[in-house]
């Protein structure tokens, strides 16, 4: 890809340090986190991914750069229809989680 990719990251939780969710155009695409051995990064979209869609670096910034590079490579090698299907699966999974979370409190209350 010749265009510059812009990804953004945010902490996955306010309670956990050094663990970031990575987004591209409003979609969750990956994770960067500190592991005892170093900074781990991976692309986490719901489709089969190549081995190079994850890795480890010595610094947080290097992990973000490596993930962005791998994401650009994945975008250039993936048909838009396949990526759209992954986004649809992501939305369906999120909707199912929300529905399950909404039902569980009622089940705990009992008859």
PDB file of N, CA and C in Angstrom:
ATOM      1  N   UNK A   1       0.840  -1.176   0.000  1.00  0.00           N
ATOM      2  CA  UNK A   1       0.000   0.000   0.000  1.00  0.00           C
ATOM      3  C   UNK A   1       0.887   1.241   0.000  1.00  0.00           C
ATOM      4  N   UNK A   2       0.515   2.198  -0.796  1.00  0.00           N
ATOM      5  CA  UNK A   2       1.307   3.415  -0.847  1.00  0.00           C
ATOM      6  C   UNK A   2       0.795   4.475   0.125  1.00  0.00           C
ATOM      7  N   UNK A   3      -0.469   4.433   0.489  1.00  0.00           N
ATOM      8  CA  UNK A   3      -1.028   5.419   1.418  1.00  0.00           C
ATOM      9  C   UNK A   3      -0.572   5.109   2.841  1.00  0.00           C
ATOM     10  N   UNK A   4      -0.407   6.163   3.627  1.00  0.00           N
ATOM     11  CA  UNK A   4      -0.015   5.992   5.016  1.00  0.00           C
ATOM     12  C   UNK A   4      -1.192   5.445   5.816  1.00  0.00           C
ATOM     13  N   UNK A   5      -0.931   4.429   6.618  1.00  0.00           N
ATOM     14  CA  UNK A   5      -1.953   3.848   7.466  1.00  0.00           C
ATOM     15  C   UNK A   5      -1.994   4.584   8.796  1.00  0.00           C
ATOM     16  N   UNK A   6      -3.181   4.807   9.283  1.00  0.00           N
ATOM     17  CA  UNK A   6      -3.328   5.407  10.598  1.00  0.00           C
ATOM     18  C   UNK A   6      -4.068   4.423  11.490  1.00  0.00           C
ATOM     19  N   UNK A   7      -3.400   4.001  12.547  1.00  0.00           N
ATOM     20  CA  UNK A   7      -4.043   3.151  13.541  1.00  0.00           C
ATOM     21  C   UNK A   7      -4.073   3.943  14.841  1.00  0.00           C
ATOM     22  N   UNK A   8      -4.994   3.611  15.706  1.00  0.00           N
ATOM     23  CA  UNK A   8      -5.002   4.258  17.009  1.00  0.00           C
ATOM     24  C   UNK A   8      -5.112   3.183  18.073  1.00  0.00           C
ATOM     25  N   UNK A   9      -4.678   3.520  19.260  1.00  0.00           N
ATOM     26  CA  UNK A   9      -4.678   2.553  20.353  1.00  0.00           C
ATOM     27  C   UNK A   9      -5.229   3.189  21.611  1.00  0.00           C
ATOM     28  N   UNK A  10      -5.801   2.356  22.444  1.00  0.00           N
ATOM     29  CA  UNK A  10      -6.306   2.810  23.731  1.00  0.00           C
ATOM     30  C   UNK A  10      -6.090   1.691  24.737  1.00  0.00           C
ATOM     31  N   UNK A  11      -5.943   2.042  26.013  1.00  0.00           N
ATOM     32  CA  UNK A  11      -5.808   0.985  27.021  1.00  0.00           C
ATOM     33  C   UNK A  11      -7.021   0.064  26.977  1.00  0.00           C
ATOM     34  N   UNK A  12      -6.775  -1.225  27.105  1.00  0.00           N
ATOM     35  CA  UNK A  12      -7.877  -2.189  27.098  1.00  0.00           C
ATOM     36  C   UNK A  12      -8.694  -2.106  28.374  1.00  0.00           C
ATOM     37  N   UNK A  13      -8.054  -1.664  29.466  1.00  0.00           N
ATOM     38  CA  UNK A  13      -8.738  -1.554  30.746  1.00  0.00           C
ATOM     39  C   UNK A  13      -8.039  -0.487  31.580  1.00  0.00           C
ATOM     40  N   UNK A  14      -8.801   0.186  32.395  1.00  0.00           N
ATOM     41  CA  UNK A  14      -8.186   1.181  33.287  1.00  0.00           C
ATOM     42  C   UNK A  14      -7.442   0.498  34.430  1.00  0.00           C
ATOM     43  N   UNK A  15      -7.751  -0.769  34.663  1.00  0.00           N
ATOM     44  CA  UNK A  15      -7.131  -1.511  35.761  1.00  0.00           C
ATOM     45  C   UNK A  15      -5.825  -2.204  35.368  1.00  0.00           C
ATOM     46  N   UNK A  16      -5.563  -2.323  34.074  1.00  0.00           N
ATOM     47  CA  UNK A  16      -4.388  -3.064  33.602  1.00  0.00           C
ATOM     48  C   UNK A  16      -3.483  -2.134  32.816  1.00  0.00           C
ATOM     49  N   UNK A  17      -2.238  -2.062  33.210  1.00  0.00           N
ATOM     50  CA  UNK A  17      -1.264  -1.222  32.503  1.00  0.00           C
ATOM     51  C   UNK A  17      -0.638  -2.008  31.358  1.00  0.00           C
ATOM     52  N   UNK A  18      -0.159  -1.283  30.393  1.00  0.00           N
ATOM     53  CA  UNK A  18       0.628  -1.851  29.295  1.00  0.00           C
ATOM     54  C   UNK A  18      -0.108  -2.931  28.506  1.00  0.00           C
ATOM     55  N   UNK A  19      -1.378  -2.673  28.224  1.00  0.00           N
ATOM     56  CA  UNK A  19      -2.194  -3.578  27.412  1.00  0.00           C
ATOM     57  C   UNK A  19      -3.123  -2.692  26.583  1.00  0.00           C
ATOM     58  N   UNK A  20      -2.924  -2.690  25.255  1.00  0.00           N
ATOM     59  CA  UNK A  20      -3.610  -1.744  24.376  1.00  0.00           C
ATOM     60  C   UNK A  20      -4.427  -2.459  23.305  1.00  0.00           C
ATOM     61  N   UNK A  21      -5.615  -1.936  23.062  1.00  0.00           N
ATOM     62  CA  UNK A  21      -6.438  -2.357  21.927  1.00  0.00           C
ATOM     63  C   UNK A  21      -6.064  -1.441  20.754  1.00  0.00           C
ATOM     64  N   UNK A  22      -5.913  -2.034  19.587  1.00  0.00           N
ATOM     65  CA  UNK A  22      -5.513  -1.276  18.400  1.00  0.00           C
ATOM     66  C   UNK A  22      -6.684  -1.262  17.416  1.00  0.00           C
ATOM     67  N   UNK A  23      -6.955  -0.063  16.852  1.00  0.00           N
ATOM     68  CA  UNK A  23      -8.104   0.125  15.965  1.00  0.00           C
ATOM     69  C   UNK A  23      -7.675   0.726  14.623  1.00  0.00           C
ATOM     70  N   UNK A  24      -8.470   0.410  13.617  1.00  0.00           N
ATOM     71  CA  UNK A  24      -8.296   0.966  12.280  1.00  0.00           C
ATOM     72  C   UNK A  24      -9.680   1.255  11.729  1.00  0.00           C
ATOM     73  N   UNK A  25      -9.939   2.499  11.405  1.00  0.00           N
ATOM     74  CA  UNK A  25     -11.225   2.924  10.845  1.00  0.00           C
ATOM     75  C   UNK A  25     -12.410   2.411  11.667  1.00  0.00           C
ATOM     76  N   UNK A  26     -12.284   2.510  12.988  1.00  0.00           N
ATOM     77  CA  UNK A  26     -13.373   2.123  13.874  1.00  0.00           C
ATOM     78  C   UNK A  26     -13.481   0.643  14.182  1.00  0.00           C
ATOM     79  N   UNK A  27     -12.602  -0.160  13.632  1.00  0.00           N
ATOM     80  CA  UNK A  27     -12.631  -1.605  13.877  1.00  0.00           C
ATOM     81  C   UNK A  27     -11.475  -2.008  14.778  1.00  0.00           C
ATOM     82  N   UNK A  28     -11.753  -2.910  15.688  1.00  0.00           N
ATOM     83  CA  UNK A  28     -10.690  -3.468  16.515  1.00  0.00           C
ATOM     84  C   UNK A  28      -9.881  -4.420  15.637  1.00  0.00           C
ATOM     85  N   UNK A  29      -8.573  -4.184  15.548  1.00  0.00           N
ATOM     86  CA  UNK A  29      -7.756  -5.028  14.670  1.00  0.00           C
ATOM     87  C   UNK A  29      -6.637  -5.753  15.385  1.00  0.00           C
ATOM     88  N   UNK A  30      -6.340  -5.367  16.630  1.00  0.00           N
ATOM     89  CA  UNK A  30      -5.220  -6.031  17.268  1.00  0.00           C
ATOM     90  C   UNK A  30      -4.996  -5.629  18.702  1.00  0.00           C
ATOM     91  N   UNK A  31      -3.877  -6.101  19.184  1.00  0.00           N
ATOM     92  CA  UNK A  31      -3.527  -5.889  20.584  1.00  0.00           C
ATOM     93  C   UNK A  31      -2.019  -5.745  20.711  1.00  0.00           C
ATOM     94  N   UNK A  32      -1.587  -4.863  21.602  1.00  0.00           N
ATOM     95  CA  UNK A  32      -0.180  -4.707  21.970  1.00  0.00           C
ATOM     96  C   UNK A  32      -0.145  -4.759  23.488  1.00  0.00           C
ATOM     97  N   UNK A  33       0.722  -5.635  24.030  1.00  0.00           N
ATOM     98  CA  UNK A  33       0.783  -5.754  25.488  1.00  0.00           C
ATOM     99  C   UNK A  33       2.191  -6.120  25.930  1.00  0.00           C
ATOM    100  N   UNK A  34       2.483  -5.754  27.161  1.00  0.00           N
ATOM    101  CA  UNK A  34       3.770  -6.094  27.745  1.00  0.00           C
ATOM    102  C   UNK A  34       3.680  -7.469  28.371  1.00  0.00           C
ATOM    103  N   UNK A  35       4.619  -8.313  27.982  1.00  0.00           N
ATOM    104  CA  UNK A  35       4.733  -9.679  28.456  1.00  0.00           C
ATOM    105  C   UNK A  35       6.063  -9.753  29.212  1.00  0.00           C
ATOM    106  N   UNK A  36       6.269 -10.705  30.104  1.00  0.00           N
ATOM    107  CA  UNK A  36       7.564 -10.776  30.789  1.00  0.00           C
ATOM    108  C   UNK A  36       8.768 -10.839  29.838  1.00  0.00           C
ATOM    109  N   UNK A  37       8.570 -11.374  28.650  1.00  0.00           N
ATOM    110  CA  UNK A  37       9.681 -11.497  27.696  1.00  0.00           C
ATOM    111  C   UNK A  37       9.847 -10.270  26.794  1.00  0.00           C
ATOM    112  N   UNK A  38       8.876  -9.378  26.746  1.00  0.00           N
ATOM    113  CA  UNK A  38       8.946  -8.203  25.875  1.00  0.00           C
ATOM    114  C   UNK A  38       7.552  -7.752  25.474  1.00  0.00           C
ATOM    115  N   UNK A  39       7.496  -6.882  24.471  1.00  0.00           N
ATOM    116  CA  UNK A  39       6.221  -6.362  23.979  1.00  0.00           C
ATOM    117  C   UNK A  39       5.673  -7.277  22.893  1.00  0.00           C
ATOM    118  N   UNK A  40       4.487  -7.801  23.122  1.00  0.00           N
ATOM    119  CA  UNK A  40       3.827  -8.725  22.197  1.00  0.00           C
ATOM    120  C   UNK A  40       2.774  -7.950  21.418  1.00  0.00           C
ATOM    121  N   UNK A  41       2.709  -8.184  20.112  1.00  0.00           N
ATOM    122  CA  UNK A  41       1.675  -7.564  19.278  1.00  0.00           C
ATOM    123  C   UNK A  41       1.032  -8.646  18.431  1.00  0.00           C
ATOM    124  N   UNK A  42      -0.239  -8.463  18.111  1.00  0.00           N
ATOM    125  CA  UNK A  42      -0.897  -9.390  17.195  1.00  0.00           C
ATOM    126  C   UNK A  42      -2.144  -8.763  16.585  1.00  0.00           C
ATOM    127  N   UNK A  43      -2.418  -9.189  15.377  1.00  0.00           N
ATOM    128  CA  UNK A  43      -3.656  -8.815  14.688  1.00  0.00           C
ATOM    129  C   UNK A  43      -4.713  -9.796  15.162  1.00  0.00           C
ATOM    130  N   UNK A  44      -5.900  -9.292  15.479  1.00  0.00           N
ATOM    131  CA  UNK A  44      -6.928 -10.144  16.101  1.00  0.00           C
ATOM    132  C   UNK A  44      -8.274 -10.037  15.396  1.00  0.00           C
ATOM    133  N   UNK A  45      -8.272 -10.044  14.070  1.00  0.00           N
ATOM    134  CA  UNK A  45      -9.557 -10.003  13.379  1.00  0.00           C
ATOM    135  C   UNK A  45     -10.044 -11.433  13.164  1.00  0.00           C
ATOM    136  N   UNK A  46     -11.362 -11.643  13.066  1.00  0.00           N
ATOM    137  CA  UNK A  46     -11.908 -13.000  12.986  1.00  0.00           C
ATOM    138  C   UNK A  46     -11.781 -13.633  11.601  1.00  0.00           C
ATOM    139  N   UNK A  47     -10.564 -14.048  11.291  1.00  0.00           N
ATOM    140  CA  UNK A  47     -10.295 -14.796  10.058  1.00  0.00           C
ATOM    141  C   UNK A  47      -8.953 -15.492  10.216  1.00  0.00           C
ATOM    142  N   UNK A  48      -8.680 -16.441   9.369  1.00  0.00           N
ATOM    143  CA  UNK A  48      -7.392 -17.123   9.407  1.00  0.00           C
ATOM    144  C   UNK A  48      -6.294 -16.106   9.097  1.00  0.00           C
ATOM    145  N   UNK A  49      -5.258 -16.118   9.908  1.00  0.00           N
ATOM    146  CA  UNK A  49      -4.186 -15.141   9.755  1.00  0.00           C
ATOM    147  C   UNK A  49      -2.846 -15.846   9.561  1.00  0.00           C
ATOM    148  N   UNK A  50      -1.958 -15.233   8.793  1.00  0.00           N
ATOM    149  CA  UNK A  50      -0.634 -15.823   8.586  1.00  0.00           C
ATOM    150  C   UNK A  50       0.230 -15.695   9.841  1.00  0.00           C
ATOM    151  N   UNK A  51       1.319 -16.459   9.889  1.00  0.00           N
ATOM    152  CA  UNK A  51       2.226 -16.417  11.037  1.00  0.00           C
ATOM    153  C   UNK A  51       2.795 -15.029  11.295  1.00  0.00           C
ATOM    154  N   UNK A  52       2.976 -14.240  10.237  1.00  0.00           N
ATOM    155  CA  UNK A  52       3.576 -12.922  10.402  1.00  0.00           C
ATOM    156  C   UNK A  52       2.592 -11.885  10.956  1.00  0.00           C
ATOM    157  N   UNK A  53       1.386 -12.297  11.338  1.00  0.00           N
ATOM    158  CA  UNK A  53       0.395 -11.379  11.904  1.00  0.00           C
ATOM    159  C   UNK A  53       0.548 -11.244  13.417  1.00  0.00           C
ATOM    160  N   UNK A  54       1.685 -11.695  13.948  1.00  0.00           N
ATOM    161  CA  UNK A  54       1.979 -11.533  15.363  1.00  0.00           C
ATOM    162  C   UNK A  54       3.479 -11.541  15.568  1.00  0.00           C
ATOM    163  N   UNK A  55       3.895 -10.963  16.691  1.00  0.00           N
ATOM    164  CA  UNK A  55       5.316 -10.949  16.957  1.00  0.00           C
ATOM    165  C   UNK A  55       5.639 -10.333  18.303  1.00  0.00           C
ATOM    166  N   UNK A  56       6.938 -10.137  18.535  1.00  0.00           N
ATOM    167  CA  UNK A  56       7.409  -9.572  19.790  1.00  0.00           C
ATOM    168  C   UNK A  56       8.538  -8.601  19.486  1.00  0.00           C
ATOM    169  N   UNK A  57       8.573  -7.487  20.219  1.00  0.00           N
ATOM    170  CA  UNK A  57       9.622  -6.497  20.058  1.00  0.00           C
ATOM    171  C   UNK A  57      10.125  -6.064  21.439  1.00  0.00           C
ATOM    172  N   UNK A  58      11.163  -5.244  21.421  1.00  0.00           N
ATOM    173  CA  UNK A  58      11.750  -4.776  22.676  1.00  0.00           C
ATOM    174  C   UNK A  58      11.025  -3.568  23.258  1.00  0.00           C
ATOM    175  N   UNK A  59      10.267  -2.840  22.430  1.00  0.00           N
ATOM    176  CA  UNK A  59       9.604  -1.636  22.941  1.00  0.00           C
ATOM    177  C   UNK A  59       8.150  -1.561  22.476  1.00  0.00           C
ATOM    178  N   UNK A  60       7.391  -0.775  23.213  1.00  0.00           N
ATOM    179  CA  UNK A  60       5.981  -0.572  22.859  1.00  0.00           C
ATOM    180  C   UNK A  60       5.854   0.077  21.485  1.00  0.00           C
ATOM    181  N   UNK A  61       6.638   1.130  21.244  1.00  0.00           N
ATOM    182  CA  UNK A  61       6.561   1.822  19.958  1.00  0.00           C
ATOM    183  C   UNK A  61       6.917   0.903  18.797  1.00  0.00           C
ATOM    184  N   UNK A  62       7.926   0.055  18.991  1.00  0.00           N
ATOM    185  CA  UNK A  62       8.291  -0.899  17.936  1.00  0.00           C
ATOM    186  C   UNK A  62       7.161  -1.890  17.676  1.00  0.00           C
ATOM    187  N   UNK A  63       6.440  -2.267  18.726  1.00  0.00           N
ATOM    188  CA  UNK A  63       5.300  -3.177  18.540  1.00  0.00           C
ATOM    189  C   UNK A  63       4.188  -2.514  17.746  1.00  0.00           C
ATOM    190  N   UNK A  64       3.908  -1.239  18.051  1.00  0.00           N
ATOM    191  CA  UNK A  64       2.889  -0.536  17.267  1.00  0.00           C
ATOM    192  C   UNK A  64       3.311  -0.422  15.809  1.00  0.00           C
ATOM    193  N   UNK A  65       4.570  -0.137  15.561  1.00  0.00           N
ATOM    194  CA  UNK A  65       5.073  -0.035  14.182  1.00  0.00           C
ATOM    195  C   UNK A  65       4.992  -1.383  13.472  1.00  0.00           C
ATOM    196  N   UNK A  66       5.367  -2.452  14.171  1.00  0.00           N
ATOM    197  CA  UNK A  66       5.326  -3.789  13.562  1.00  0.00           C
ATOM    198  C   UNK A  66       3.886  -4.197  13.253  1.00  0.00           C
ATOM    199  N   UNK A  67       2.972  -3.903  14.171  1.00  0.00           N
ATOM    200  CA  UNK A  67       1.569  -4.235  13.925  1.00  0.00           C
ATOM    201  C   UNK A  67       1.039  -3.431  12.742  1.00  0.00           C
ATOM    202  N   UNK A  68       1.354  -2.154  12.680  1.00  0.00           N
ATOM    203  CA  UNK A  68       0.893  -1.320  11.558  1.00  0.00           C
ATOM    204  C   UNK A  68       1.439  -1.838  10.235  1.00  0.00           C
ATOM    205  N   UNK A  69       2.682  -2.241  10.225  1.00  0.00           N
ATOM    206  CA  UNK A  69       3.282  -2.782   9.004  1.00  0.00           C
ATOM    207  C   UNK A  69       2.594  -4.083   8.580  1.00  0.00           C
ATOM    208  N   UNK A  70       2.378  -4.966   9.548  1.00  0.00           N
ATOM    209  CA  UNK A  70       1.691  -6.229   9.248  1.00  0.00           C
ATOM    210  C   UNK A  70       0.261  -5.971   8.790  1.00  0.00           C
ATOM    211  N   UNK A  71      -0.404  -4.990   9.403  1.00  0.00           N
ATOM    212  CA  UNK A  71      -1.776  -4.654   9.010  1.00  0.00           C
ATOM    213  C   UNK A  71      -1.801  -4.153   7.564  1.00  0.00           C
ATOM    214  N   UNK A  72      -0.867  -3.301   7.208  1.00  0.00           N
ATOM    215  CA  UNK A  72      -0.776  -2.822   5.831  1.00  0.00           C
ATOM    216  C   UNK A  72      -0.564  -3.968   4.855  1.00  0.00           C
ATOM    217  N   UNK A  73       0.292  -4.887   5.240  1.00  0.00           N
ATOM    218  CA  UNK A  73       0.538  -6.068   4.396  1.00  0.00           C
ATOM    219  C   UNK A  73      -0.727  -6.905   4.258  1.00  0.00           C
ATOM    220  N   UNK A  74      -1.432  -7.109   5.375  1.00  0.00           N
ATOM    221  CA  UNK A  74      -2.670  -7.886   5.330  1.00  0.00           C
ATOM    222  C   UNK A  74      -3.717  -7.213   4.455  1.00  0.00           C
ATOM    223  N   UNK A  75      -3.834  -5.893   4.583  1.00  0.00           N
ATOM    224  CA  UNK A  75      -4.790  -5.159   3.740  1.00  0.00           C
ATOM    225  C   UNK A  75      -4.475  -5.323   2.265  1.00  0.00           C
ATOM    226  N   UNK A  76      -3.196  -5.298   1.922  1.00  0.00           N
ATOM    227  CA  UNK A  76      -2.813  -5.410   0.510  1.00  0.00           C
ATOM    228  C   UNK A  76      -3.016  -6.821  -0.034  1.00  0.00           C
ATOM    229  N   UNK A  77      -3.068  -7.818   0.851  1.00  0.00           N
ATOM    230  CA  UNK A  77      -3.195  -9.213   0.420  1.00  0.00           C
ATOM    231  C   UNK A  77      -4.593  -9.795   0.610  1.00  0.00           C
ATOM    232  N   UNK A  78      -5.499  -9.010   1.148  1.00  0.00           N
ATOM    233  CA  UNK A  78      -6.841  -9.509   1.452  1.00  0.00           C
ATOM    234  C   UNK A  78      -7.879  -8.815   0.580  1.00  0.00           C
ATOM    235  N   UNK A  79      -8.722  -9.604  -0.051  1.00  0.00           N
ATOM    236  CA  UNK A  79      -9.794  -9.033  -0.857  1.00  0.00           C
ATOM    237  C   UNK A  79     -10.739  -8.238   0.035  1.00  0.00           C
ATOM    238  N   UNK A  80     -11.236  -7.108  -0.433  1.00  0.00           N
ATOM    239  CA  UNK A  80     -12.148  -6.289   0.385  1.00  0.00           C
ATOM    240  C   UNK A  80     -13.370  -7.062   0.865  1.00  0.00           C
ATOM    241  N   UNK A  81     -13.889  -7.990   0.037  1.00  0.00           N
ATOM    242  CA  UNK A  81     -15.063  -8.771   0.431  1.00  0.00           C
ATOM    243  C   UNK A  81     -14.738  -9.650   1.642  1.00  0.00           C
ATOM    244  N   UNK A  82     -13.534 -10.200   1.684  1.00  0.00           N
ATOM    245  CA  UNK A  82     -13.144 -11.059   2.803  1.00  0.00           C
ATOM    246  C   UNK A  82     -13.015 -10.248   4.081  1.00  0.00           C
ATOM    247  N   UNK A  83     -12.449  -9.073   3.966  1.00  0.00           N
ATOM    248  CA  UNK A  83     -12.313  -8.206   5.123  1.00  0.00           C
ATOM    249  C   UNK A  83     -13.692  -7.753   5.614  1.00  0.00           C
ATOM    250  N   UNK A  84     -14.592  -7.447   4.698  1.00  0.00           N
ATOM    251  CA  UNK A  84     -15.951  -7.063   5.068  1.00  0.00           C
ATOM    252  C   UNK A  84     -16.630  -8.198   5.828  1.00  0.00           C
ATOM    253  N   UNK A  85     -16.416  -9.424   5.394  1.00  0.00           N
ATOM    254  CA  UNK A  85     -16.999 -10.587   6.088  1.00  0.00           C
ATOM    255  C   UNK A  85     -16.448 -10.689   7.509  1.00  0.00           C
ATOM    256  N   UNK A  86     -15.162 -10.417   7.690  1.00  0.00           N
ATOM    257  CA  UNK A  86     -14.566 -10.428   9.028  1.00  0.00           C
ATOM    258  C   UNK A  86     -15.214  -9.374   9.909  1.00  0.00           C
ATOM    259  N   UNK A  87     -15.453  -8.169   9.339  1.00  0.00           N
ATOM    260  CA  UNK A  87     -16.113  -7.109  10.120  1.00  0.00           C
ATOM    261  C   UNK A  87     -17.527  -7.540  10.503  1.00  0.00           C
ATOM    262  N   UNK A  88     -18.242  -8.207   9.587  1.00  0.00           N
ATOM    263  CA  UNK A  88     -19.594  -8.668   9.896  1.00  0.00           C
ATOM    264  C   UNK A  88     -19.586  -9.701  11.016  1.00  0.00           C
ATOM    265  N   UNK A  89     -18.603 -10.602  10.990  1.00  0.00           N
ATOM    266  CA  UNK A  89     -18.475 -11.588  12.064  1.00  0.00           C
ATOM    267  C   UNK A  89     -18.187 -10.896  13.397  1.00  0.00           C
ATOM    268  N   UNK A  90     -17.340  -9.881  13.352  1.00  0.00           N
ATOM    269  CA  UNK A  90     -17.014  -9.116  14.548  1.00  0.00           C
ATOM    270  C   UNK A  90     -18.277  -8.479  15.131  1.00  0.00           C
ATOM    271  N   UNK A  91     -19.089  -7.850  14.288  1.00  0.00           N
ATOM    272  CA  UNK A  91     -20.328  -7.214  14.743  1.00  0.00           C
ATOM    273  C   UNK A  91     -21.302  -8.240  15.311  1.00  0.00           C
ATOM    274  N   UNK A  92     -21.427  -9.391  14.655  1.00  0.00           N
ATOM    275  CA  UNK A  92     -22.331 -10.438  15.134  1.00  0.00           C
ATOM    276  C   UNK A  92     -21.879 -10.956  16.497  1.00  0.00           C
ATOM    277  N   UNK A  93     -20.589 -11.121  16.678  1.00  0.00           N
ATOM    278  CA  UNK A  93     -20.059 -11.579  17.962  1.00  0.00           C
ATOM    279  C   UNK A  93     -20.344 -10.560  19.063  1.00  0.00           C
ATOM    280  N   UNK A  94     -20.106  -9.285  18.773  1.00  0.00           N
ATOM    281  CA  UNK A  94     -20.365  -8.234  19.758  1.00  0.00           C
ATOM    282  C   UNK A  94     -21.844  -8.167  20.116  1.00  0.00           C
ATOM    283  N   UNK A  95     -22.721  -8.296  19.119  1.00  0.00           N
ATOM    284  CA  UNK A  95     -24.165  -8.267  19.373  1.00  0.00           C
ATOM    285  C   UNK A  95     -24.579  -9.448  20.242  1.00  0.00           C
ATOM    286  N   UNK A  96     -23.996 -10.597  19.994  1.00  0.00           N
ATOM    287  CA  UNK A  96     -24.320 -11.783  20.786  1.00  0.00           C
ATOM    288  C   UNK A  96     -23.852 -11.608  22.230  1.00  0.00           C
ATOM    289  N   UNK A  97     -22.662 -11.028  22.418  1.00  0.00           N
ATOM    290  CA  UNK A  97     -22.171 -10.781  23.777  1.00  0.00           C
ATOM    291  C   UNK A  97     -23.089  -9.818  24.528  1.00  0.00           C
ATOM    292  N   UNK A  98     -23.536  -8.763  23.843  1.00  0.00           N
ATOM    293  CA  UNK A  98     -24.423  -7.799  24.473  1.00  0.00           C
ATOM    294  C   UNK A  98     -25.757  -8.439  24.852  1.00  0.00           C
ATOM    295  N   UNK A  99     -26.266  -9.278  23.971  1.00  0.00           N
ATOM    296  CA  UNK A  99     -27.534  -9.954  24.237  1.00  0.00           C
ATOM    297  C   UNK A  99     -27.381 -10.900  25.427  1.00  0.00           C
ATOM    298  N   UNK A 100     -26.291 -11.633  25.490  1.00  0.00           N
ATOM    299  CA  UNK A 100     -26.042 -12.550  26.595  1.00  0.00           C
ATOM    300  C   UNK A 100     -25.895 -11.787  27.908  1.00  0.00           C
ATOM    301  N   UNK A 101     -25.180 -10.675  27.886  1.00  0.00           N
ATOM    302  CA  UNK A 101     -24.997  -9.861  29.095  1.00  0.00           C
ATOM    303  C   UNK A 101     -26.326  -9.289  29.573  1.00  0.00           C
ATOM    304  N   UNK A 102     -27.208  -8.939  28.658  1.00  0.00           N
ATOM    305  CA  UNK A 102     -28.507  -8.378  29.024  1.00  0.00           C
ATOM    306  C   UNK A 102     -29.412  -9.446  29.634  1.00  0.00           C
ATOM    307  N   UNK A 103     -29.275 -10.707  29.227  1.00  0.00           N
ATOM    308  CA  UNK A 103     -30.118 -11.789  29.700  1.00  0.00           C
ATOM    309  C   UNK A 103     -29.636 -12.327  31.036  1.00  0.00           C
ATOM    310  N   UNK A 104     -28.352 -12.363  31.268  1.00  0.00           N
ATOM    311  CA  UNK A 104     -27.796 -12.973  32.479  1.00  0.00           C
ATOM    312  C   UNK A 104     -28.297 -12.364  33.786  1.00  0.00           C
ATOM    313  N   UNK A 105     -28.410 -11.047  33.928  1.00  0.00           N
ATOM    314  CA  UNK A 105     -28.929 -10.520  35.213  1.00  0.00           C
ATOM    315  C   UNK A 105     -30.343 -11.006  35.528  1.00  0.00           C
ATOM    316  N   UNK A 106     -31.193 -11.152  34.509  1.00  0.00           N
ATOM    317  CA  UNK A 106     -32.555 -11.638  34.723  1.00  0.00           C
ATOM    318  C   UNK A 106     -32.551 -13.078  35.200  1.00  0.00           C
ATOM    319  N   UNK A 107     -31.639 -13.884  34.636  1.00  0.00           N
ATOM    320  CA  UNK A 107     -31.556 -15.290  35.017  1.00  0.00           C
ATOM    321  C   UNK A 107     -31.099 -15.432  36.465  1.00  0.00           C
ATOM    322  N   UNK A 108     -30.240 -14.540  36.924  1.00  0.00           N
ATOM    323  CA  UNK A 108     -29.747 -14.597  38.300  1.00  0.00           C
ATOM    324  C   UNK A 108     -30.831 -14.226  39.310  1.00  0.00           C
ATOM    325  N   UNK A 109     -31.788 -13.409  38.884  1.00  0.00           N
ATOM    326  CA  UNK A 109     -32.849 -12.965  39.794  1.00  0.00           C
ATOM    327  C   UNK A 109     -33.787 -14.098  40.182  1.00  0.00           C
ATOM    328  N   UNK A 110     -33.926 -15.073  39.285  1.00  0.00           N
ATOM    329  CA  UNK A 110     -34.785 -16.225  39.591  1.00  0.00           C
ATOM    330  C   UNK A 110     -36.248 -15.931  39.336  1.00  0.00           C
ATOM    331  N   UNK A 111     -37.110 -16.963  39.539  1.00  0.00           N
ATOM    332  CA  UNK A 111     -38.543 -16.795  39.277  1.00  0.00           C
ATOM    333  C   UNK A 111     -39.258 -15.966  40.318  1.00  0.00           C
TER     334      UNK A 111
END
